[in-house]
């Protein structure tokens, strides 16, 4: 009887533990089902869109993006655009989801990078994701860089918006001023875009070279007759070195003859020489007057000395009379 009760108690204990296990498993399944339902409600449509577009974005990647505070819709849109454009989206070597997330978290513009790569691919320009992302993170507009590589742009030299001047002023060897306005056609160099100098450097170099080329001309008419002499001399200097651009051409848009600086400088020099000569003449006149006054002062001094000497004669005679010397001499004269 005792053994039977013990067996019944053991069976009841085993049944209770099994019920607990079943209840726990059921609870876990319900929780898991709720989690799956929530995930599907939040990301199911986005994942299905990526799946149907073969964008290779997993459901758990979408969940991870939310945890990492990444805009999952932006990443999916970028992956779909890349896939539909024929770009490589391989997880190892292509534009993978992780690489897009990394660029987004680094503060880059994902859509600009994808647009730039697509445009470069259409134009036959070699631009991979790493270079495009680096250009974007460097603060450059990668889309505009690709567009400028395909369609060169024109830069004014000088640029009135930056310098406030509309022409460059250069002087030929004969002293005549020429006022020049040039147009520089440039194409973006993607290889030198990172770390390359900007438009301001190109404008400064071109302006300096134009002024130097005109200054080397013997006569201003030579420049007016052959403006291409300037452009050839400027292009030969390789002004686009270490810049973000490649100079396609330099065209002289306008040349105006200014004032004859050489003649004006000669007139100014002549006037200055005249003023110097006048000053020297005035100095000599002043020295002559001073010398004359000095001589007059010496004459007056000598006259004063003469008067003083003449005043001493009566004193000497009186002294001679008082001392008897004058009388003695007179007597001696009579005796003789």
C-alpha atoms as a PDB file:
ATOM      1  CA  UNK A   1       0.000   0.000   0.000  1.00  0.00           C
ATOM      2  CA  UNK A   2       2.798   2.378   0.909  1.00  0.00           C
ATOM      3  CA  UNK A   3       4.656   1.563  -2.300  1.00  0.00           C
ATOM      4  CA  UNK A   4       1.579   2.311  -4.354  1.00  0.00           C
ATOM      5  CA  UNK A   5       1.171   5.711  -2.723  1.00  0.00           C
ATOM      6  CA  UNK A   6       4.816   6.535  -3.384  1.00  0.00           C
ATOM      7  CA  UNK A   7       4.473   5.608  -7.042  1.00  0.00           C
ATOM      8  CA  UNK A   8       1.358   7.743  -7.347  1.00  0.00           C
ATOM      9  CA  UNK A   9       3.149  10.709  -5.741  1.00  0.00           C
ATOM     10  CA  UNK A  10       6.115  10.317  -8.080  1.00  0.00           C
ATOM     11  CA  UNK A  11       3.818  10.190 -11.111  1.00  0.00           C
ATOM     12  CA  UNK A  12       1.961  13.257  -9.897  1.00  0.00           C
ATOM     13  CA  UNK A  13       5.273  15.148  -9.409  1.00  0.00           C
ATOM     14  CA  UNK A  14       6.466  14.198 -12.900  1.00  0.00           C
ATOM     15  CA  UNK A  15       3.153  15.251 -14.381  1.00  0.00           C
ATOM     16  CA  UNK A  16       3.339  18.614 -12.578  1.00  0.00           C
ATOM     17  CA  UNK A  17       6.861  19.326 -13.858  1.00  0.00           C
ATOM     18  CA  UNK A  18       5.861  18.399 -17.372  1.00  0.00           C
ATOM     19  CA  UNK A  19       2.930  20.758 -17.149  1.00  0.00           C
ATOM     20  CA  UNK A  20       5.268  23.539 -16.059  1.00  0.00           C
ATOM     21  CA  UNK A  21       7.563  22.851 -19.002  1.00  0.00           C
ATOM     22  CA  UNK A  22       4.634  22.837 -21.396  1.00  0.00           C
ATOM     23  CA  UNK A  23       3.336  26.111 -19.966  1.00  0.00           C
ATOM     24  CA  UNK A  24       6.766  27.741 -20.234  1.00  0.00           C
ATOM     25  CA  UNK A  25       7.222  26.557 -23.799  1.00  0.00           C
ATOM     26  CA  UNK A  26       3.780  27.805 -24.733  1.00  0.00           C
ATOM     27  CA  UNK A  27       4.535  31.184 -23.193  1.00  0.00           C
ATOM     28  CA  UNK A  28       7.821  31.430 -25.071  1.00  0.00           C
ATOM     29  CA  UNK A  29       6.127  30.520 -28.315  1.00  0.00           C
ATOM     30  CA  UNK A  30       3.491  33.172 -27.738  1.00  0.00           C
ATOM     31  CA  UNK A  31       6.134  35.795 -26.967  1.00  0.00           C
ATOM     32  CA  UNK A  32       8.159  34.753 -29.999  1.00  0.00           C
ATOM     33  CA  UNK A  33       5.065  34.885 -32.131  1.00  0.00           C
ATOM     34  CA  UNK A  34       4.241  38.380 -30.862  1.00  0.00           C
ATOM     35  CA  UNK A  35       7.802  39.531 -31.611  1.00  0.00           C
ATOM     36  CA  UNK A  36       7.615  38.067 -35.097  1.00  0.00           C
ATOM     37  CA  UNK A  37       4.252  39.712 -35.614  1.00  0.00           C
ATOM     38  CA  UNK A  38       5.578  43.093 -34.490  1.00  0.00           C
ATOM     39  CA  UNK A  39       8.618  42.757 -36.731  1.00  0.00           C
ATOM     40  CA  UNK A  40       6.460  41.810 -39.697  1.00  0.00           C
ATOM     41  CA  UNK A  41       4.073  44.673 -39.064  1.00  0.00           C
ATOM     42  CA  UNK A  42       6.908  47.193 -38.858  1.00  0.00           C
ATOM     43  CA  UNK A  43       9.331  45.866 -41.446  1.00  0.00           C
ATOM     44  CA  UNK A  44       7.409  43.297 -43.451  1.00  0.00           C
ATOM     45  CA  UNK A  45       6.400  45.649 -46.229  1.00  0.00           C
ATOM     46  CA  UNK A  46       9.890  47.148 -46.490  1.00  0.00           C
ATOM     47  CA  UNK A  47      11.537  43.722 -46.470  1.00  0.00           C
ATOM     48  CA  UNK A  48       9.099  42.390 -49.075  1.00  0.00           C
ATOM     49  CA  UNK A  49       9.872  45.390 -51.285  1.00  0.00           C
ATOM     50  CA  UNK A  50      13.591  44.688 -51.003  1.00  0.00           C
ATOM     51  CA  UNK A  51      13.039  40.981 -51.560  1.00  0.00           C
ATOM     52  CA  UNK A  52      11.017  41.486 -54.712  1.00  0.00           C
ATOM     53  CA  UNK A  53      13.698  43.864 -56.028  1.00  0.00           C
ATOM     54  CA  UNK A  54      16.522  41.400 -55.207  1.00  0.00           C
ATOM     55  CA  UNK A  55      18.141  44.083 -53.074  1.00  0.00           C
ATOM     56  CA  UNK A  56      19.599  41.518 -50.637  1.00  0.00           C
ATOM     57  CA  UNK A  57      18.365  43.101 -47.382  1.00  0.00           C
ATOM     58  CA  UNK A  58      17.437  40.653 -44.628  1.00  0.00           C
ATOM     59  CA  UNK A  59      14.660  41.167 -42.136  1.00  0.00           C
ATOM     60  CA  UNK A  60      17.056  41.084 -39.208  1.00  0.00           C
ATOM     61  CA  UNK A  61      19.196  43.732 -40.918  1.00  0.00           C
ATOM     62  CA  UNK A  62      16.188  46.027 -40.861  1.00  0.00           C
ATOM     63  CA  UNK A  63      15.715  45.363 -37.157  1.00  0.00           C
ATOM     64  CA  UNK A  64      19.412  46.051 -36.548  1.00  0.00           C
ATOM     65  CA  UNK A  65      19.172  49.330 -38.442  1.00  0.00           C
ATOM     66  CA  UNK A  66      16.436  50.515 -36.095  1.00  0.00           C
ATOM     67  CA  UNK A  67      18.564  49.594 -33.093  1.00  0.00           C
ATOM     68  CA  UNK A  68      21.518  51.457 -34.590  1.00  0.00           C
ATOM     69  CA  UNK A  69      19.283  54.454 -35.451  1.00  0.00           C
ATOM     70  CA  UNK A  70      19.832  54.070 -39.177  1.00  0.00           C
ATOM     71  CA  UNK A  71      17.170  55.139 -41.659  1.00  0.00           C
ATOM     72  CA  UNK A  72      16.224  51.708 -42.968  1.00  0.00           C
ATOM     73  CA  UNK A  73      13.955  53.057 -45.707  1.00  0.00           C
ATOM     74  CA  UNK A  74      16.830  55.130 -47.077  1.00  0.00           C
ATOM     75  CA  UNK A  75      19.180  52.141 -47.085  1.00  0.00           C
ATOM     76  CA  UNK A  76      16.621  49.907 -48.790  1.00  0.00           C
ATOM     77  CA  UNK A  77      15.896  52.571 -51.373  1.00  0.00           C
ATOM     78  CA  UNK A  78      19.595  52.941 -52.085  1.00  0.00           C
ATOM     79  CA  UNK A  79      20.065  49.167 -52.408  1.00  0.00           C
ATOM     80  CA  UNK A  80      17.092  48.869 -54.768  1.00  0.00           C
ATOM     81  CA  UNK A  81      18.356  51.763 -56.882  1.00  0.00           C
ATOM     82  CA  UNK A  82      21.821  50.223 -57.055  1.00  0.00           C
ATOM     83  CA  UNK A  83      20.460  46.816 -57.984  1.00  0.00           C
ATOM     84  CA  UNK A  84      18.111  48.140 -60.648  1.00  0.00           C
ATOM     85  CA  UNK A  85      20.960  50.215 -62.125  1.00  0.00           C
ATOM     86  CA  UNK A  86      23.153  47.161 -62.509  1.00  0.00           C
ATOM     87  CA  UNK A  87      25.647  48.000 -59.773  1.00  0.00           C
ATOM     88  CA  UNK A  88      27.416  45.307 -57.809  1.00  0.00           C
ATOM     89  CA  UNK A  89      25.692  44.837 -54.438  1.00  0.00           C
ATOM     90  CA  UNK A  90      27.635  41.751 -53.377  1.00  0.00           C
ATOM     91  CA  UNK A  91      28.076  41.512 -49.613  1.00  0.00           C
ATOM     92  CA  UNK A  92      31.835  41.099 -49.874  1.00  0.00           C
ATOM     93  CA  UNK A  93      33.019  43.261 -52.744  1.00  0.00           C
ATOM     94  CA  UNK A  94      29.998  45.320 -53.765  1.00  0.00           C
ATOM     95  CA  UNK A  95      27.739  47.960 -52.297  1.00  0.00           C
ATOM     96  CA  UNK A  96      26.579  45.954 -49.322  1.00  0.00           C
ATOM     97  CA  UNK A  97      24.081  46.935 -46.672  1.00  0.00           C
ATOM     98  CA  UNK A  98      26.823  47.220 -44.049  1.00  0.00           C
ATOM     99  CA  UNK A  99      28.846  49.630 -46.194  1.00  0.00           C
ATOM    100  CA  UNK A 100      25.802  51.805 -46.769  1.00  0.00           C
ATOM    101  CA  UNK A 101      25.042  51.790 -43.036  1.00  0.00           C
ATOM    102  CA  UNK A 102      28.646  52.710 -42.231  1.00  0.00           C
ATOM    103  CA  UNK A 103      28.539  55.640 -44.631  1.00  0.00           C
ATOM    104  CA  UNK A 104      25.214  56.800 -43.169  1.00  0.00           C
ATOM    105  CA  UNK A 105      26.540  56.598 -39.600  1.00  0.00           C
ATOM    106  CA  UNK A 106      29.651  58.527 -40.662  1.00  0.00           C
ATOM    107  CA  UNK A 107      27.428  61.435 -41.683  1.00  0.00           C
ATOM    108  CA  UNK A 108      27.538  60.876 -45.426  1.00  0.00           C
ATOM    109  CA  UNK A 109      24.778  61.353 -47.980  1.00  0.00           C
ATOM    110  CA  UNK A 110      23.972  57.842 -49.144  1.00  0.00           C
ATOM    111  CA  UNK A 111      21.663  58.832 -51.982  1.00  0.00           C
ATOM    112  CA  UNK A 112      24.177  61.324 -53.383  1.00  0.00           C
ATOM    113  CA  UNK A 113      26.813  58.606 -53.476  1.00  0.00           C
ATOM    114  CA  UNK A 114      24.505  56.151 -55.267  1.00  0.00           C
ATOM    115  CA  UNK A 115      23.379  58.810 -57.754  1.00  0.00           C
ATOM    116  CA  UNK A 116      26.999  59.734 -58.463  1.00  0.00           C
ATOM    117  CA  UNK A 117      28.062  56.104 -59.024  1.00  0.00           C
ATOM    118  CA  UNK A 118      25.123  55.508 -61.361  1.00  0.00           C
ATOM    119  CA  UNK A 119      25.882  58.678 -63.333  1.00  0.00           C
ATOM    120  CA  UNK A 120      29.569  57.744 -63.556  1.00  0.00           C
ATOM    121  CA  UNK A 121      28.701  54.255 -64.756  1.00  0.00           C
ATOM    122  CA  UNK A 122      26.434  55.665 -67.459  1.00  0.00           C
ATOM    123  CA  UNK A 123      29.196  58.051 -68.582  1.00  0.00           C
ATOM    124  CA  UNK A 124      31.904  55.392 -68.555  1.00  0.00           C
ATOM    125  CA  UNK A 125      33.804  56.991 -65.664  1.00  0.00           C
ATOM    126  CA  UNK A 126      35.635  54.748 -63.220  1.00  0.00           C
ATOM    127  CA  UNK A 127      34.138  55.578 -59.817  1.00  0.00           C
ATOM    128  CA  UNK A 128      33.758  52.953 -57.109  1.00  0.00           C
ATOM    129  CA  UNK A 129      31.843  53.197 -53.850  1.00  0.00           C
ATOM    130  CA  UNK A 130      34.887  53.825 -51.660  1.00  0.00           C
ATOM    131  CA  UNK A 131      36.084  56.800 -53.702  1.00  0.00           C
ATOM    132  CA  UNK A 132      32.595  58.255 -54.006  1.00  0.00           C
ATOM    133  CA  UNK A 133      32.053  57.883 -50.246  1.00  0.00           C
ATOM    134  CA  UNK A 134      35.421  59.490 -49.523  1.00  0.00           C
ATOM    135  CA  UNK A 135      34.599  62.449 -51.781  1.00  0.00           C
ATOM    136  CA  UNK A 136      31.231  62.830 -50.068  1.00  0.00           C
ATOM    137  CA  UNK A 137      32.722  62.680 -46.568  1.00  0.00           C
ATOM    138  CA  UNK A 138      35.357  65.229 -47.597  1.00  0.00           C
ATOM    139  CA  UNK A 139      32.568  67.779 -48.012  1.00  0.00           C
ATOM    140  CA  UNK A 140      32.539  67.830 -51.806  1.00  0.00           C
ATOM    141  CA  UNK A 141      29.380  67.445 -53.864  1.00  0.00           C
ATOM    142  CA  UNK A 142      30.083  64.098 -55.498  1.00  0.00           C
ATOM    143  CA  UNK A 143      27.089  64.364 -57.854  1.00  0.00           C
ATOM    144  CA  UNK A 144      28.233  67.775 -59.087  1.00  0.00           C
ATOM    145  CA  UNK A 145      31.773  66.417 -59.460  1.00  0.00           C
ATOM    146  CA  UNK A 146      30.572  63.635 -61.764  1.00  0.00           C
ATOM    147  CA  UNK A 147      28.402  66.058 -63.740  1.00  0.00           C
ATOM    148  CA  UNK A 148      31.336  68.420 -64.182  1.00  0.00           C
ATOM    149  CA  UNK A 149      33.485  65.507 -65.335  1.00  0.00           C
ATOM    150  CA  UNK A 150      30.929  64.750 -68.030  1.00  0.00           C
ATOM    151  CA  UNK A 151      29.935  68.326 -68.857  1.00  0.00           C
ATOM    152  CA  UNK A 152      32.784  70.823 -68.221  1.00  0.00           C
ATOM    153  CA  UNK A 153      31.879  74.143 -66.671  1.00  0.00           C
ATOM    154  CA  UNK A 154      33.115  77.652 -67.376  1.00  0.00           C
ATOM    155  CA  UNK A 155      34.792  79.793 -64.702  1.00  0.00           C
ATOM    156  CA  UNK A 156      35.075  83.565 -65.018  1.00  0.00           C
ATOM    157  CA  UNK A 157      38.548  85.012 -64.523  1.00  0.00           C
ATOM    158  CA  UNK A 158      38.397  87.200 -62.590  1.00  0.00           C
ATOM    159  CA  UNK A 159      35.203  86.244 -60.823  1.00  0.00           C
ATOM    160  CA  UNK A 160      33.273  89.440 -59.939  1.00  0.00           C
ATOM    161  CA  UNK A 161      31.433  87.637 -57.146  1.00  0.00           C
ATOM    162  CA  UNK A 162      34.672  86.827 -55.339  1.00  0.00           C
ATOM    163  CA  UNK A 163      37.016  89.720 -56.148  1.00  0.00           C
ATOM    164  CA  UNK A 164      34.579  92.476 -57.071  1.00  0.00           C
ATOM    165  CA  UNK A 165      36.563  93.148 -60.266  1.00  0.00           C
ATOM    166  CA  UNK A 166      35.351  92.457 -63.782  1.00  0.00           C
ATOM    167  CA  UNK A 167      38.719  92.613 -65.589  1.00  0.00           C
ATOM    168  CA  UNK A 168      42.392  91.877 -65.046  1.00  0.00           C
ATOM    169  CA  UNK A 169      44.770  94.806 -65.387  1.00  0.00           C
ATOM    170  CA  UNK A 170      48.113  94.055 -67.060  1.00  0.00           C
ATOM    171  CA  UNK A 171      50.789  96.347 -68.521  1.00  0.00           C
ATOM    172  CA  UNK A 172      52.930  95.556 -71.563  1.00  0.00           C
ATOM    173  CA  UNK A 173      56.573  96.579 -71.784  1.00  0.00           C
ATOM    174  CA  UNK A 174      55.694  99.762 -73.692  1.00  0.00           C
ATOM    175  CA  UNK A 175      53.691 100.944 -70.685  1.00  0.00           C
ATOM    176  CA  UNK A 176      50.161 100.571 -72.102  1.00  0.00           C
ATOM    177  CA  UNK A 177      47.575  98.971 -69.831  1.00  0.00           C
ATOM    178  CA  UNK A 178      45.353  96.138 -71.104  1.00  0.00           C
ATOM    179  CA  UNK A 179      42.180  95.098 -69.310  1.00  0.00           C
ATOM    180  CA  UNK A 180      41.451  91.430 -69.920  1.00  0.00           C
ATOM    181  CA  UNK A 181      38.532  89.137 -69.107  1.00  0.00           C
ATOM    182  CA  UNK A 182      39.003  85.403 -69.623  1.00  0.00           C
ATOM    183  CA  UNK A 183      36.833  82.289 -69.472  1.00  0.00           C
ATOM    184  CA  UNK A 184      38.371  79.081 -68.154  1.00  0.00           C
ATOM    185  CA  UNK A 185      36.714  75.780 -69.075  1.00  0.00           C
ATOM    186  CA  UNK A 186      37.452  73.089 -66.491  1.00  0.00           C
ATOM    187  CA  UNK A 187      36.568  69.458 -65.941  1.00  0.00           C
ATOM    188  CA  UNK A 188      36.532  67.813 -62.519  1.00  0.00           C
ATOM    189  CA  UNK A 189      39.397  65.414 -61.889  1.00  0.00           C
ATOM    190  CA  UNK A 190      37.987  62.675 -59.650  1.00  0.00           C
ATOM    191  CA  UNK A 191      41.479  61.328 -58.950  1.00  0.00           C
ATOM    192  CA  UNK A 192      42.602  64.671 -57.475  1.00  0.00           C
ATOM    193  CA  UNK A 193      39.292  65.812 -56.034  1.00  0.00           C
ATOM    194  CA  UNK A 194      40.241  64.742 -52.509  1.00  0.00           C
ATOM    195  CA  UNK A 195      42.906  67.170 -51.318  1.00  0.00           C
ATOM    196  CA  UNK A 196      42.960  69.117 -54.587  1.00  0.00           C
ATOM    197  CA  UNK A 197      42.785  72.907 -54.709  1.00  0.00           C
ATOM    198  CA  UNK A 198      39.455  74.583 -55.446  1.00  0.00           C
ATOM    199  CA  UNK A 199      38.236  77.071 -58.052  1.00  0.00           C
ATOM    200  CA  UNK A 200      39.824  80.019 -56.238  1.00  0.00           C
ATOM    201  CA  UNK A 201      43.281  78.555 -56.819  1.00  0.00           C
ATOM    202  CA  UNK A 202      42.600  77.961 -60.509  1.00  0.00           C
ATOM    203  CA  UNK A 203      41.329  81.537 -60.950  1.00  0.00           C
ATOM    204  CA  UNK A 204      44.339  82.965 -59.105  1.00  0.00           C
ATOM    205  CA  UNK A 205      46.831  80.943 -61.151  1.00  0.00           C
ATOM    206  CA  UNK A 206      45.215  81.791 -64.476  1.00  0.00           C
ATOM    207  CA  UNK A 207      45.019  85.486 -63.592  1.00  0.00           C
ATOM    208  CA  UNK A 208      48.653  85.577 -62.525  1.00  0.00           C
ATOM    209  CA  UNK A 209      49.756  83.825 -65.734  1.00  0.00           C
ATOM    210  CA  UNK A 210      47.747  86.170 -67.963  1.00  0.00           C
ATOM    211  CA  UNK A 211      49.265  89.231 -66.291  1.00  0.00           C
ATOM    212  CA  UNK A 212      52.745  87.721 -66.613  1.00  0.00           C
ATOM    213  CA  UNK A 213      52.207  86.854 -70.298  1.00  0.00           C
ATOM    214  CA  UNK A 214      51.039  90.388 -71.130  1.00  0.00           C
ATOM    215  CA  UNK A 215      53.884  91.891 -69.121  1.00  0.00           C
ATOM    216  CA  UNK A 216      56.367  89.896 -71.217  1.00  0.00           C
ATOM    217  CA  UNK A 217      55.008  91.347 -74.480  1.00  0.00           C
ATOM    218  CA  UNK A 218      57.113  94.076 -76.075  1.00  0.00           C
ATOM    219  CA  UNK A 219      54.099  96.019 -77.344  1.00  0.00           C
ATOM    220  CA  UNK A 220      50.435  95.937 -76.420  1.00  0.00           C
ATOM    221  CA  UNK A 221      49.446  95.717 -80.099  1.00  0.00           C
ATOM    222  CA  UNK A 222      51.034  92.275 -80.288  1.00  0.00           C
ATOM    223  CA  UNK A 223      48.571  91.048 -77.687  1.00  0.00           C
ATOM    224  CA  UNK A 224      45.648  92.738 -79.404  1.00  0.00           C
ATOM    225  CA  UNK A 225      46.582  91.135 -82.715  1.00  0.00           C
ATOM    226  CA  UNK A 226      47.128  87.627 -81.322  1.00  0.00           C
ATOM    227  CA  UNK A 227      45.233  86.943 -78.092  1.00  0.00           C
ATOM    228  CA  UNK A 228      45.912  83.224 -78.496  1.00  0.00           C
ATOM    229  CA  UNK A 229      49.536  83.964 -77.616  1.00  0.00           C
ATOM    230  CA  UNK A 230      48.377  84.527 -74.062  1.00  0.00           C
ATOM    231  CA  UNK A 231      46.284  81.363 -73.907  1.00  0.00           C
ATOM    232  CA  UNK A 232      49.073  79.194 -75.292  1.00  0.00           C
ATOM    233  CA  UNK A 233      51.559  80.619 -72.813  1.00  0.00           C
ATOM    234  CA  UNK A 234      49.160  80.103 -69.923  1.00  0.00           C
ATOM    235  CA  UNK A 235      48.191  76.539 -70.880  1.00  0.00           C
ATOM    236  CA  UNK A 236      51.849  75.573 -71.209  1.00  0.00           C
ATOM    237  CA  UNK A 237      52.411  76.232 -67.506  1.00  0.00           C
ATOM    238  CA  UNK A 238      50.286  73.328 -66.262  1.00  0.00           C
ATOM    239  CA  UNK A 239      48.199  75.450 -63.926  1.00  0.00           C
ATOM    240  CA  UNK A 240      45.849  72.570 -63.020  1.00  0.00           C
ATOM    241  CA  UNK A 241      48.535  70.654 -61.127  1.00  0.00           C
ATOM    242  CA  UNK A 242      47.437  69.625 -57.619  1.00  0.00           C
ATOM    243  CA  UNK A 243      43.956  71.020 -58.171  1.00  0.00           C
ATOM    244  CA  UNK A 244      40.574  69.309 -58.292  1.00  0.00           C
ATOM    245  CA  UNK A 245      40.115  70.331 -61.910  1.00  0.00           C
ATOM    246  CA  UNK A 246      41.588  69.737 -65.317  1.00  0.00           C
ATOM    247  CA  UNK A 247      41.800  72.856 -67.479  1.00  0.00           C
ATOM    248  CA  UNK A 248      40.255  72.151 -70.873  1.00  0.00           C
ATOM    249  CA  UNK A 249      40.753  75.579 -72.435  1.00  0.00           C
ATOM    250  CA  UNK A 250      41.390  79.239 -71.639  1.00  0.00           C
ATOM    251  CA  UNK A 251      39.660  81.777 -73.870  1.00  0.00           C
ATOM    252  CA  UNK A 252      40.168  85.539 -73.849  1.00  0.00           C
ATOM    253  CA  UNK A 253      36.642  86.914 -73.823  1.00  0.00           C
ATOM    254  CA  UNK A 254      37.456  90.616 -73.933  1.00  0.00           C
ATOM    255  CA  UNK A 255      40.475  92.946 -74.195  1.00  0.00           C
ATOM    256  CA  UNK A 256      40.271  96.705 -73.651  1.00  0.00           C
ATOM    257  CA  UNK A 257      43.082  99.237 -73.898  1.00  0.00           C
ATOM    258  CA  UNK A 258      43.456 101.217 -70.720  1.00  0.00           C
ATOM    259  CA  UNK A 259      45.589 104.217 -69.943  1.00  0.00           C
ATOM    260  CA  UNK A 260      49.201 104.698 -70.965  1.00  0.00           C
ATOM    261  CA  UNK A 261      50.721 103.970 -67.619  1.00  0.00           C
ATOM    262  CA  UNK A 262      54.261 104.329 -68.928  1.00  0.00           C
ATOM    263  CA  UNK A 263      53.648 107.879 -70.201  1.00  0.00           C
ATOM    264  CA  UNK A 264      51.882 108.835 -67.000  1.00  0.00           C
ATOM    265  CA  UNK A 265      54.763 107.460 -64.953  1.00  0.00           C
ATOM    266  CA  UNK A 266      57.233 109.390 -67.108  1.00  0.00           C
ATOM    267  CA  UNK A 267      55.238 112.594 -66.605  1.00  0.00           C
ATOM    268  CA  UNK A 268      55.096 111.946 -62.901  1.00  0.00           C
ATOM    269  CA  UNK A 269      58.829 111.310 -62.904  1.00  0.00           C
ATOM    270  CA  UNK A 270      59.467 114.532 -64.852  1.00  0.00           C
ATOM    271  CA  UNK A 271      57.333 116.504 -62.415  1.00  0.00           C
ATOM    272  CA  UNK A 272      59.137 114.881 -59.539  1.00  0.00           C
ATOM    273  CA  UNK A 273      62.518 115.755 -61.087  1.00  0.00           C
ATOM    274  CA  UNK A 274      61.326 119.340 -61.623  1.00  0.00           C
ATOM    275  CA  UNK A 275      60.261 119.601 -58.005  1.00  0.00           C
ATOM    276  CA  UNK A 276      63.621 118.193 -56.922  1.00  0.00           C
ATOM    277  CA  UNK A 277      65.484 120.704 -59.128  1.00  0.00           C
ATOM    278  CA  UNK A 278      63.384 123.545 -57.750  1.00  0.00           C
ATOM    279  CA  UNK A 279      64.052 122.394 -54.254  1.00  0.00           C
ATOM    280  CA  UNK A 280      67.783 122.232 -54.913  1.00  0.00           C
ATOM    281  CA  UNK A 281      67.743 125.712 -56.521  1.00  0.00           C
ATOM    282  CA  UNK A 282      65.819 127.064 -53.572  1.00  0.00           C
ATOM    283  CA  UNK A 283      68.345 125.432 -51.291  1.00  0.00           C
ATOM    284  CA  UNK A 284      71.241 127.042 -53.169  1.00  0.00           C
ATOM    285  CA  UNK A 285      69.469 130.431 -53.104  1.00  0.00           C
ATOM    286  CA  UNK A 286      68.875 130.087 -49.402  1.00  0.00           C
ATOM    287  CA  UNK A 287      72.515 129.154 -48.897  1.00  0.00           C
ATOM    288  CA  UNK A 288      73.609 132.184 -50.955  1.00  0.00           C
ATOM    289  CA  UNK A 289      71.382 134.497 -48.929  1.00  0.00           C
ATOM    290  CA  UNK A 290      72.669 132.971 -45.734  1.00  0.00           C
ATOM    291  CA  UNK A 291      76.265 133.418 -46.929  1.00  0.00           C
ATOM    292  CA  UNK A 292      75.543 137.037 -47.879  1.00  0.00           C
ATOM    293  CA  UNK A 293      74.041 137.725 -44.494  1.00  0.00           C
ATOM    294  CA  UNK A 294      77.006 136.046 -42.867  1.00  0.00           C
ATOM    295  CA  UNK A 295      79.397 138.266 -44.841  1.00  0.00           C
ATOM    296  CA  UNK A 296      77.407 141.361 -43.877  1.00  0.00           C
ATOM    297  CA  UNK A 297      77.614 140.266 -40.279  1.00  0.00           C
ATOM    298  CA  UNK A 298      81.382 139.890 -40.616  1.00  0.00           C
ATOM    299  CA  UNK A 299      81.670 143.401 -42.174  1.00  0.00           C
ATOM    300  CA  UNK A 300      79.614 144.853 -39.367  1.00  0.00           C
ATOM    301  CA  UNK A 301      81.779 143.042 -36.857  1.00  0.00           C
ATOM    302  CA  UNK A 302      84.960 144.358 -38.460  1.00  0.00           C
ATOM    303  CA  UNK A 303      83.547 147.889 -38.481  1.00  0.00           C
ATOM    304  CA  UNK A 304      82.738 147.556 -34.824  1.00  0.00           C
ATOM    305  CA  UNK A 305      86.274 146.405 -34.182  1.00  0.00           C
ATOM    306  CA  UNK A 306      87.560 149.438 -36.161  1.00  0.00           C
ATOM    307  CA  UNK A 307      85.417 151.835 -34.193  1.00  0.00           C
ATOM    308  CA  UNK A 308      86.571 150.190 -31.019  1.00  0.00           C
ATOM    309  CA  UNK A 309      90.193 150.583 -32.135  1.00  0.00           C
ATOM    310  CA  UNK A 310      89.623 154.227 -33.122  1.00  0.00           C
ATOM    311  CA  UNK A 311      88.107 154.812 -29.700  1.00  0.00           C
ATOM    312  CA  UNK A 312      91.277 153.497 -28.109  1.00  0.00           C
ATOM    313  CA  UNK A 313      93.477 156.148 -29.864  1.00  0.00           C
ATOM    314  CA  UNK A 314      92.263 159.150 -27.821  1.00  0.00           C
ATOM    315  CA  UNK A 315      92.577 157.077 -24.696  1.00  0.00           C
ATOM    316  CA  UNK A 316      96.161 156.259 -25.567  1.00  0.00           C
ATOM    317  CA  UNK A 317      96.962 159.894 -26.335  1.00  0.00           C
ATOM    318  CA  UNK A 318      95.413 161.020 -23.069  1.00  0.00           C
ATOM    319  CA  UNK A 319      97.349 158.417 -21.211  1.00  0.00           C
ATOM    320  CA  UNK A 320     100.513 159.577 -22.929  1.00  0.00           C
ATOM    321  CA  UNK A 321      99.846 163.198 -21.934  1.00  0.00           C
ATOM    322  CA  UNK A 322      99.192 162.191 -18.376  1.00  0.00           C
ATOM    323  CA  UNK A 323     102.314 160.137 -18.164  1.00  0.00           C
ATOM    324  CA  UNK A 324     104.475 162.823 -19.753  1.00  0.00           C
ATOM    325  CA  UNK A 325     105.542 160.702 -22.605  1.00  0.00           C
ATOM    326  CA  UNK A 326     103.952 162.905 -25.201  1.00  0.00           C
ATOM    327  CA  UNK A 327     105.646 166.090 -23.684  1.00  0.00           C
ATOM    328  CA  UNK A 328     109.048 164.486 -23.515  1.00  0.00           C
ATOM    329  CA  UNK A 329     108.884 163.429 -27.056  1.00  0.00           C
ATOM    330  CA  UNK A 330     107.842 166.959 -28.066  1.00  0.00           C
ATOM    331  CA  UNK A 331     110.772 168.504 -26.183  1.00  0.00           C
ATOM    332  CA  UNK A 332     113.177 166.102 -27.723  1.00  0.00           C
ATOM    333  CA  UNK A 333     111.896 167.114 -31.047  1.00  0.00           C
ATOM    334  CA  UNK A 334     112.459 170.831 -30.362  1.00  0.00           C
ATOM    335  CA  UNK A 335     115.926 170.152 -29.016  1.00  0.00           C
ATOM    336  CA  UNK A 336     116.871 168.368 -32.070  1.00  0.00           C
END
